[in-house]
Amino acid sequence: MAEKLSPQEVESKVDTLNALVTDGAHWVVDGDALRKSFKFKSFIRAFGWMSQMAIWAEKLNHHPEWYNVYNKVDVRLTTHDADGISELDFMLAEKMEKFS
């Protein structure tokens, strides 16, 4: 089971994660989760990205909460078993940045 990270660990990891951001939209801590909105050129690109991320989520056995409308995907990452943000959330967020 993944361990919940301390607020200091989360803050440090968010800074590192946001250094990877190329689209100007940064990850934010929202309560017990990481959040970001991704915007793509079209619905098919958004959906294709979601399909890629679904494969990574399955490999990590860590699944996002997300919402898609046309070219926008709102993502919320939290580790329910840990009641907060864990290393798994950052691992998946890094994959999302790499492939966005």
Protein backbone atom coordinates (compact mmCIF):
# COMPACT_ATOMS: atom_id res chain seq x y z
CA MET A 1 0.00 0.00 0.00
CA ALA A 2 1.23 3.48 -0.85
CA GLU A 3 2.05 5.86 1.98
CA LYS A 4 0.60 9.35 2.24
CA LEU A 5 3.26 12.00 1.71
CA SER A 6 3.80 14.82 4.19
CA PRO A 7 2.79 18.36 3.18
CA GLN A 8 6.48 19.25 2.83
CA GLU A 9 7.14 16.25 0.57
CA VAL A 10 4.11 17.12 -1.56
CA GLU A 11 5.21 20.75 -1.91
CA SER A 12 8.71 19.73 -2.98
CA LYS A 13 7.42 17.15 -5.47
CA VAL A 14 4.88 19.59 -6.95
CA ASP A 15 7.70 22.05 -7.62
CA THR A 16 9.71 19.31 -9.36
CA LEU A 17 6.64 18.19 -11.33
CA ASN A 18 5.79 21.72 -12.43
CA ALA A 19 9.33 22.12 -13.79
CA LEU A 20 8.27 19.54 -16.43
CA VAL A 21 5.22 21.55 -17.52
CA THR A 22 5.42 22.87 -21.09
CA ASP A 23 1.83 24.04 -21.64
CA GLY A 24 1.73 26.73 -18.95
CA ALA A 25 -0.93 24.95 -16.88
CA HIS A 26 0.58 23.89 -13.58
CA TRP A 27 -0.35 21.16 -11.15
CA VAL A 28 -1.93 22.41 -7.94
CA VAL A 29 -2.64 20.80 -4.61
CA ASP A 30 -6.35 20.83 -3.90
CA GLY A 31 -7.02 19.33 -0.48
CA ASP A 32 -5.98 15.68 -0.67
CA ALA A 33 -5.36 15.65 -4.43
CA LEU A 34 -3.29 16.96 -7.31
CA ARG A 35 -5.24 18.74 -10.04
CA LYS A 36 -4.54 19.95 -13.55
CA SER A 37 -6.48 20.77 -16.70
CA PHE A 38 -4.98 19.64 -19.99
CA LYS A 39 -6.05 21.23 -23.26
CA PHE A 40 -5.52 19.58 -26.65
CA LYS A 41 -6.00 20.63 -30.28
CA SER A 42 -9.04 18.39 -30.74
CA PHE A 43 -11.32 15.86 -29.12
CA ILE A 44 -9.53 12.97 -30.81
CA ARG A 45 -6.16 14.11 -29.40
CA ALA A 46 -7.64 14.46 -25.92
CA PHE A 47 -9.23 11.04 -26.16
CA GLY A 48 -6.07 9.48 -27.59
CA TRP A 49 -4.05 10.92 -24.70
CA MET A 50 -6.57 9.54 -22.23
CA SER A 51 -6.22 6.11 -23.86
CA GLN A 52 -2.43 6.25 -23.49
CA MET A 53 -2.74 7.33 -19.86
CA ALA A 54 -5.24 4.56 -19.15
CA ILE A 55 -2.56 2.03 -20.13
CA TRP A 56 -0.03 3.66 -17.78
CA ALA A 57 -2.62 3.87 -15.01
CA GLU A 58 -3.30 0.17 -15.36
CA LYS A 59 0.43 -0.64 -15.28
CA LEU A 60 0.79 1.41 -12.09
CA ASN A 61 -2.50 0.04 -10.72
CA HIS A 62 -3.36 3.65 -9.95
CA HIS A 63 -6.33 5.19 -11.72
CA PRO A 64 -7.11 8.88 -12.16
CA GLU A 65 -10.34 10.71 -11.62
CA TRP A 66 -10.82 12.64 -14.83
CA TYR A 67 -13.41 14.45 -16.85
CA ASN A 68 -13.36 15.13 -20.59
CA VAL A 69 -15.28 17.66 -22.63
CA TYR A 70 -14.22 18.12 -26.24
CA ASN A 71 -10.49 19.06 -26.13
CA LYS A 72 -10.14 19.49 -22.37
CA VAL A 73 -9.31 16.85 -19.76
CA ASP A 74 -9.55 17.77 -16.07
CA VAL A 75 -7.46 15.42 -13.92
CA ARG A 76 -7.60 14.77 -10.19
CA LEU A 77 -5.04 12.40 -8.65
CA THR A 78 -5.27 11.07 -5.13
CA THR A 79 -4.48 7.79 -3.43
CA HIS A 80 -7.68 6.68 -1.74
CA ASP A 81 -5.96 3.87 0.22
CA ALA A 82 -3.57 6.43 1.73
CA ASP A 83 -6.23 9.12 2.27
CA GLY A 84 -4.15 11.65 0.38
CA ILE A 85 -1.35 12.21 -2.07
CA SER A 86 1.27 9.48 -2.49
CA GLU A 87 4.24 8.74 -4.73
CA LEU A 88 1.83 6.95 -7.11
CA ASP A 89 0.08 10.23 -7.86
CA PHE A 90 3.36 11.86 -8.84
CA MET A 91 4.41 8.88 -10.95
CA LEU A 92 1.20 9.08 -12.97
CA ALA A 93 1.35 12.89 -13.17
CA GLU A 94 4.87 12.68 -14.61
CA LYS A 95 3.64 10.27 -17.30
CA MET A 96 0.80 12.65 -18.08
CA GLU A 97 3.25 15.52 -18.54
CA LYS A 98 5.60 13.45 -20.67
CA PHE A 99 2.86 12.47 -23.12
CA SER A 100 0.77 15.66 -23.19
